[in-house]
């Protein structure tokens, strides 16, 4: 999913000359989610990641 979003962002930036804000916000949330998920599965935190907890705020 992240790879697809990165490719879309690169193409959009190439065509429009600037990054798409909505894609930026989504990928920020996606990277925070990945961080929460790895921390939870690695027993570094007890805070559950989505879908058992809230989607991260960015």
C-alpha atoms as a PDB file:
ATOM      1  CA  UNK A   1       0.000   0.000   0.000  1.00  0.00           C
ATOM      2  CA  UNK A   2       2.757   2.422   0.929  1.00  0.00           C
ATOM      3  CA  UNK A   3       4.619   1.737  -2.319  1.00  0.00           C
ATOM      4  CA  UNK A   4       1.501   2.514  -4.368  1.00  0.00           C
ATOM      5  CA  UNK A   5       0.929   5.773  -2.488  1.00  0.00           C
ATOM      6  CA  UNK A   6       4.573   6.782  -2.968  1.00  0.00           C
ATOM      7  CA  UNK A   7       4.358   6.146  -6.708  1.00  0.00           C
ATOM      8  CA  UNK A   8       1.122   8.146  -6.993  1.00  0.00           C
ATOM      9  CA  UNK A   9       2.706  10.997  -5.029  1.00  0.00           C
ATOM     10  CA  UNK A  10       5.813  11.021  -7.261  1.00  0.00           C
ATOM     11  CA  UNK A  11       3.705  11.115 -10.418  1.00  0.00           C
ATOM     12  CA  UNK A  12       1.428  13.822  -9.007  1.00  0.00           C
ATOM     13  CA  UNK A  13       4.417  15.914  -7.915  1.00  0.00           C
ATOM     14  CA  UNK A  14       6.042  15.502 -11.314  1.00  0.00           C
ATOM     15  CA  UNK A  15       2.877  16.657 -13.106  1.00  0.00           C
ATOM     16  CA  UNK A  16       1.654  19.359 -10.701  1.00  0.00           C
ATOM     17  CA  UNK A  17       5.005  20.579  -9.408  1.00  0.00           C
ATOM     18  CA  UNK A  18       4.044  20.111  -5.754  1.00  0.00           C
ATOM     19  CA  UNK A  19       2.972  17.210  -3.505  1.00  0.00           C
ATOM     20  CA  UNK A  20      -0.691  16.400  -2.901  1.00  0.00           C
ATOM     21  CA  UNK A  21      -1.629  17.363   0.686  1.00  0.00           C
ATOM     22  CA  UNK A  22      -4.230  14.610   1.089  1.00  0.00           C
ATOM     23  CA  UNK A  23      -1.726  11.941   0.085  1.00  0.00           C
ATOM     24  CA  UNK A  24       0.837  13.476   2.456  1.00  0.00           C
ATOM     25  CA  UNK A  25      -1.596  13.272   5.375  1.00  0.00           C
ATOM     26  CA  UNK A  26      -2.583   9.700   4.520  1.00  0.00           C
ATOM     27  CA  UNK A  27       1.021   8.487   4.275  1.00  0.00           C
ATOM     28  CA  UNK A  28       1.863  10.219   7.569  1.00  0.00           C
ATOM     29  CA  UNK A  29      -0.982   8.307   9.216  1.00  0.00           C
ATOM     30  CA  UNK A  30       0.084   5.090   7.504  1.00  0.00           C
ATOM     31  CA  UNK A  31       3.655   5.422   8.747  1.00  0.00           C
ATOM     32  CA  UNK A  32       2.452   6.129  12.305  1.00  0.00           C
ATOM     33  CA  UNK A  33       0.190   3.078  12.076  1.00  0.00           C
ATOM     34  CA  UNK A  34       3.134   0.919  10.971  1.00  0.00           C
ATOM     35  CA  UNK A  35       5.148   2.239  13.924  1.00  0.00           C
ATOM     36  CA  UNK A  36       2.324   1.449  16.374  1.00  0.00           C
ATOM     37  CA  UNK A  37       1.820  -2.004  14.878  1.00  0.00           C
ATOM     38  CA  UNK A  38       5.486  -2.982  15.111  1.00  0.00           C
ATOM     39  CA  UNK A  39       5.718  -1.629  18.657  1.00  0.00           C
ATOM     40  CA  UNK A  40       2.665  -3.626  19.737  1.00  0.00           C
ATOM     41  CA  UNK A  41       3.674  -6.896  18.071  1.00  0.00           C
ATOM     42  CA  UNK A  42       7.203  -6.512  19.421  1.00  0.00           C
ATOM     43  CA  UNK A  43       5.814  -6.161  22.983  1.00  0.00           C
ATOM     44  CA  UNK A  44       7.258  -2.644  23.314  1.00  0.00           C
ATOM     45  CA  UNK A  45       3.865  -1.161  24.172  1.00  0.00           C
ATOM     46  CA  UNK A  46       0.458  -2.269  25.382  1.00  0.00           C
ATOM     47  CA  UNK A  47      -1.340   0.276  23.185  1.00  0.00           C
ATOM     48  CA  UNK A  48      -3.229  -1.676  20.537  1.00  0.00           C
ATOM     49  CA  UNK A  49      -2.988  -0.606  16.916  1.00  0.00           C
ATOM     50  CA  UNK A  50      -5.929  -0.177  14.547  1.00  0.00           C
ATOM     51  CA  UNK A  51      -8.387  -1.986  14.119  1.00  0.00           C
ATOM     52  CA  UNK A  52      -8.285  -2.799  17.844  1.00  0.00           C
ATOM     53  CA  UNK A  53      -7.377   0.779  18.746  1.00  0.00           C
ATOM     54  CA  UNK A  54      -7.783   4.179  17.127  1.00  0.00           C
ATOM     55  CA  UNK A  55      -6.179   5.196  13.831  1.00  0.00           C
ATOM     56  CA  UNK A  56      -3.199   7.429  14.690  1.00  0.00           C
ATOM     57  CA  UNK A  57      -3.641  11.196  14.626  1.00  0.00           C
ATOM     58  CA  UNK A  58      -1.136  13.197  12.631  1.00  0.00           C
END
